[in-house]
Amino acid sequence: MSGFLLWAGAGLVLAHAESTVRGLAWPESGGPFDRGYRATGPTLAAAAGRRFGLGRRLELHVEGRLAVSWARVPVEGGEASVPDRSLHLRVGLGYRF
């Protein structure tokens, strides 16, 4: 696939769970630095992009990205399963110095 940029990555979902279930609120504290953020699951991403020359220094960048994440976040009295799938299209201009 000449001219294409391909990449893949993996990481963690950092969630800040804010919930009220049956009148019981989950505290918005805890985790690192007591700010309520917690590592709650994995995330995977893959992308393909291409640059198109628009002259001597200007470029058009186009990228498509797929991200898949799954998290289990705490709620008062249990936890919630939170899957996420997203498709992104990014378009931008670049300038070569």
Foldseek 3Di string as FASTA:
>chain_A
DPQKDKDKDKDFDWDQDFDADPNRTDDRFDDPPRRRIDGFWMKMKIKMKGWDDPDDWKIKIKMKMKMWIWGWADGVPGTDIDIDIDIDIDIDMGGDD
